[in-house]
Amino acid sequence: MYGYYSPLQTPILQQPLLPQQQTIQYVNDKSSAETYQMAPNSSVILMDANLPRFYTKITDASGQATIKSYDFKETEVEKPTEYVTKAEFESFKADLKGVNNESNNESVGK
């Protein structure tokens, strides 16, 4: 029957389309990353299981893949910048005042 509604029927709700989440997968090398199968319009991070390297693989609407590889590099902790001590600063300030006083005395005498 058309247009008949039974209270026993459950309406079908459609799930909203969610953006595809980026996932992380492990591969053995770049050739494994190249052969990794993906759906069109998707992206994945592929971690190299043998080297400190990872690959990003992105497919367009036609399924064509673009792969880029990146190497991990350990970062060095920055060494603190050297600062002058308060005593060194006061000594420098006194020397600077002495130079200014001498140049002022010479200009006044002329």
C-alpha atoms as a PDB file:
ATOM      1  CA  MET A   1       0.000   0.000   0.000  1.00  0.00           C
ATOM      2  CA  TYR A   2       1.214   3.434  -0.842  1.00  0.00           C
ATOM      3  CA  GLY A   3       1.241   6.204   1.747  1.00  0.00           C
ATOM      4  CA  TYR A   4       0.290   3.899   4.608  1.00  0.00           C
ATOM      5  CA  TYR A   5       2.244   4.473   7.810  1.00  0.00           C
ATOM      6  CA  SER A   6       2.412   1.850  10.506  1.00  0.00           C
ATOM      7  CA  PRO A   7       3.582   2.856  13.996  1.00  0.00           C
ATOM      8  CA  LEU A   8       5.622  -0.346  14.025  1.00  0.00           C
ATOM      9  CA  GLN A   9       7.829   0.905  11.191  1.00  0.00           C
ATOM     10  CA  THR A  10      10.953   2.742  12.149  1.00  0.00           C
ATOM     11  CA  PRO A  11      11.934   5.688   9.962  1.00  0.00           C
ATOM     12  CA  ILE A  12      15.276   5.330   8.259  1.00  0.00           C
ATOM     13  CA  LEU A  13      17.664   8.075   9.266  1.00  0.00           C
ATOM     14  CA  GLN A  14      20.562   8.928   7.023  1.00  0.00           C
ATOM     15  CA  GLN A  15      23.954   9.409   8.605  1.00  0.00           C
ATOM     16  CA  PRO A  16      25.505  12.814   7.864  1.00  0.00           C
ATOM     17  CA  LEU A  17      28.653  12.665   5.763  1.00  0.00           C
ATOM     18  CA  LEU A  18      31.705  13.204   7.928  1.00  0.00           C
ATOM     19  CA  PRO A  19      35.041  14.346   6.549  1.00  0.00           C
ATOM     20  CA  GLN A  20      37.455  11.487   6.137  1.00  0.00           C
ATOM     21  CA  GLN A  21      39.879  11.314   9.032  1.00  0.00           C
ATOM     22  CA  GLN A  22      43.580  11.171   8.371  1.00  0.00           C
ATOM     23  CA  THR A  23      45.136   7.953   9.611  1.00  0.00           C
ATOM     24  CA  ILE A  24      48.700   6.814  10.262  1.00  0.00           C
ATOM     25  CA  GLN A  25      49.869   3.530   8.793  1.00  0.00           C
ATOM     26  CA  TYR A  26      53.267   1.780   8.757  1.00  0.00           C
ATOM     27  CA  VAL A  27      55.072   0.641   5.592  1.00  0.00           C
ATOM     28  CA  ASN A  28      58.441  -1.039   4.995  1.00  0.00           C
ATOM     29  CA  ASP A  29      59.852   1.439   2.454  1.00  0.00           C
ATOM     30  CA  LYS A  30      58.946   3.931  -0.286  1.00  0.00           C
ATOM     31  CA  SER A  31      57.884   1.224  -2.730  1.00  0.00           C
ATOM     32  CA  SER A  32      55.431  -0.069  -0.120  1.00  0.00           C
ATOM     33  CA  ALA A  33      54.108   3.484   0.258  1.00  0.00           C
ATOM     34  CA  GLU A  34      53.657   3.751  -3.510  1.00  0.00           C
ATOM     35  CA  THR A  35      51.642   0.524  -3.668  1.00  0.00           C
ATOM     36  CA  TYR A  36      49.509   1.389  -0.614  1.00  0.00           C
ATOM     37  CA  GLN A  37      45.903   1.345  -1.842  1.00  0.00           C
ATOM     38  CA  MET A  38      43.699   4.366  -1.160  1.00  0.00           C
ATOM     39  CA  ALA A  39      40.296   5.665  -2.161  1.00  0.00           C
ATOM     40  CA  PRO A  40      40.038   8.811  -4.316  1.00  0.00           C
ATOM     41  CA  ASN A  41      40.074  12.157  -2.453  1.00  0.00           C
ATOM     42  CA  SER A  42      41.881  10.834   0.595  1.00  0.00           C
ATOM     43  CA  SER A  43      45.165  11.296   2.402  1.00  0.00           C
ATOM     44  CA  VAL A  44      47.305   9.216   4.708  1.00  0.00           C
ATOM     45  CA  ILE A  45      50.550   9.480   6.646  1.00  0.00           C
ATOM     46  CA  LEU A  46      52.719   6.421   6.089  1.00  0.00           C
ATOM     47  CA  MET A  47      55.460   5.848   8.653  1.00  0.00           C
ATOM     48  CA  ASP A  48      58.545   3.985   7.484  1.00  0.00           C
ATOM     49  CA  ALA A  49      59.075   1.047   9.829  1.00  0.00           C
ATOM     50  CA  ASN A  50      62.804   0.790   9.031  1.00  0.00           C
ATOM     51  CA  LEU A  51      64.028   4.393   8.707  1.00  0.00           C
ATOM     52  CA  PRO A  52      63.397   7.678  10.512  1.00  0.00           C
ATOM     53  CA  ARG A  53      61.198   8.748   7.581  1.00  0.00           C
ATOM     54  CA  PHE A  54      57.546   9.218   6.774  1.00  0.00           C
ATOM     55  CA  TYR A  55      55.523   9.694   3.604  1.00  0.00           C
ATOM     56  CA  THR A  56      52.374  11.660   2.869  1.00  0.00           C
ATOM     57  CA  LYS A  57      50.193  10.184   0.177  1.00  0.00           C
ATOM     58  CA  ILE A  58      47.272  12.157  -1.223  1.00  0.00           C
ATOM     59  CA  THR A  59      44.877  11.026  -3.941  1.00  0.00           C
ATOM     60  CA  ASP A  60      42.793  13.342  -6.105  1.00  0.00           C
ATOM     61  CA  ALA A  61      39.254  12.785  -7.416  1.00  0.00           C
ATOM     62  CA  SER A  62      40.521  10.533 -10.206  1.00  0.00           C
ATOM     63  CA  GLY A  63      42.585   8.413  -7.805  1.00  0.00           C
ATOM     64  CA  GLN A  64      45.989   9.758  -8.927  1.00  0.00           C
ATOM     65  CA  ALA A  65      48.393   9.700  -5.985  1.00  0.00           C
ATOM     66  CA  THR A  66      51.057  12.182  -4.964  1.00  0.00           C
ATOM     67  CA  ILE A  67      53.724  10.973  -2.510  1.00  0.00           C
ATOM     68  CA  LYS A  68      56.164  13.153  -0.601  1.00  0.00           C
ATOM     69  CA  SER A  69      58.815  11.833   1.764  1.00  0.00           C
ATOM     70  CA  TYR A  70      60.211  13.554   4.855  1.00  0.00           C
ATOM     71  CA  ASP A  71      63.081  12.606   7.148  1.00  0.00           C
ATOM     72  CA  PHE A  72      62.852  12.931  10.890  1.00  0.00           C
ATOM     73  CA  LYS A  73      65.709  14.918  12.367  1.00  0.00           C
ATOM     74  CA  GLU A  74      66.448  15.108  16.055  1.00  0.00           C
ATOM     75  CA  THR A  75      66.373  18.670  17.249  1.00  0.00           C
ATOM     76  CA  GLU A  76      69.100  19.995  19.468  1.00  0.00           C
ATOM     77  CA  VAL A  77      68.232  21.755  22.675  1.00  0.00           C
ATOM     78  CA  GLU A  78      69.057  25.413  22.294  1.00  0.00           C
ATOM     79  CA  LYS A  79      71.899  26.526  24.489  1.00  0.00           C
ATOM     80  CA  PRO A  80      71.098  29.522  26.644  1.00  0.00           C
ATOM     81  CA  THR A  81      72.403  32.850  25.459  1.00  0.00           C
ATOM     82  CA  GLU A  82      75.305  34.219  27.435  1.00  0.00           C
ATOM     83  CA  TYR A  83      74.436  37.167  29.652  1.00  0.00           C
ATOM     84  CA  VAL A  84      76.612  39.669  31.457  1.00  0.00           C
ATOM     85  CA  THR A  85      76.636  39.585  35.221  1.00  0.00           C
ATOM     86  CA  LYS A  86      75.415  42.558  37.210  1.00  0.00           C
ATOM     87  CA  ALA A  87      78.992  43.320  38.278  1.00  0.00           C
ATOM     88  CA  GLU A  88      80.158  43.302  34.654  1.00  0.00           C
ATOM     89  CA  PHE A  89      77.290  45.592  33.695  1.00  0.00           C
ATOM     90  CA  GLU A  90      78.025  48.046  36.519  1.00  0.00           C
ATOM     91  CA  SER A  91      81.698  48.116  35.507  1.00  0.00           C
ATOM     92  CA  PHE A  92      80.723  48.779  31.893  1.00  0.00           C
ATOM     93  CA  LYS A  93      78.302  51.514  32.975  1.00  0.00           C
ATOM     94  CA  ALA A  94      81.022  53.200  35.057  1.00  0.00           C
ATOM     95  CA  ASP A  95      83.454  53.014  32.138  1.00  0.00           C
ATOM     96  CA  LEU A  96      80.825  54.505  29.853  1.00  0.00           C
ATOM     97  CA  LYS A  97      80.115  57.347  32.288  1.00  0.00           C
ATOM     98  CA  GLY A  98      83.852  58.041  32.487  1.00  0.00           C
ATOM     99  CA  VAL A  99      84.110  58.257  28.694  1.00  0.00           C
ATOM    100  CA  ASN A 100      81.084  60.590  28.552  1.00  0.00           C
ATOM    101  CA  ASN A 101      82.511  62.853  31.301  1.00  0.00           C
ATOM    102  CA  GLU A 102      85.861  63.065  29.509  1.00  0.00           C
ATOM    103  CA  SER A 103      84.246  63.959  26.172  1.00  0.00           C
ATOM    104  CA  ASN A 104      81.995  66.565  27.871  1.00  0.00           C
ATOM    105  CA  ASN A 105      84.986  68.158  29.662  1.00  0.00           C
ATOM    106  CA  GLU A 106      86.931  68.344  26.399  1.00  0.00           C
ATOM    107  CA  SER A 107      84.017  69.972  24.548  1.00  0.00           C
ATOM    108  CA  VAL A 108      83.495  72.494  27.394  1.00  0.00           C
ATOM    109  CA  GLY A 109      87.178  73.460  27.360  1.00  0.00           C
ATOM    110  CA  LYS A 110      87.141  74.283  23.635  1.00  0.00           C
END
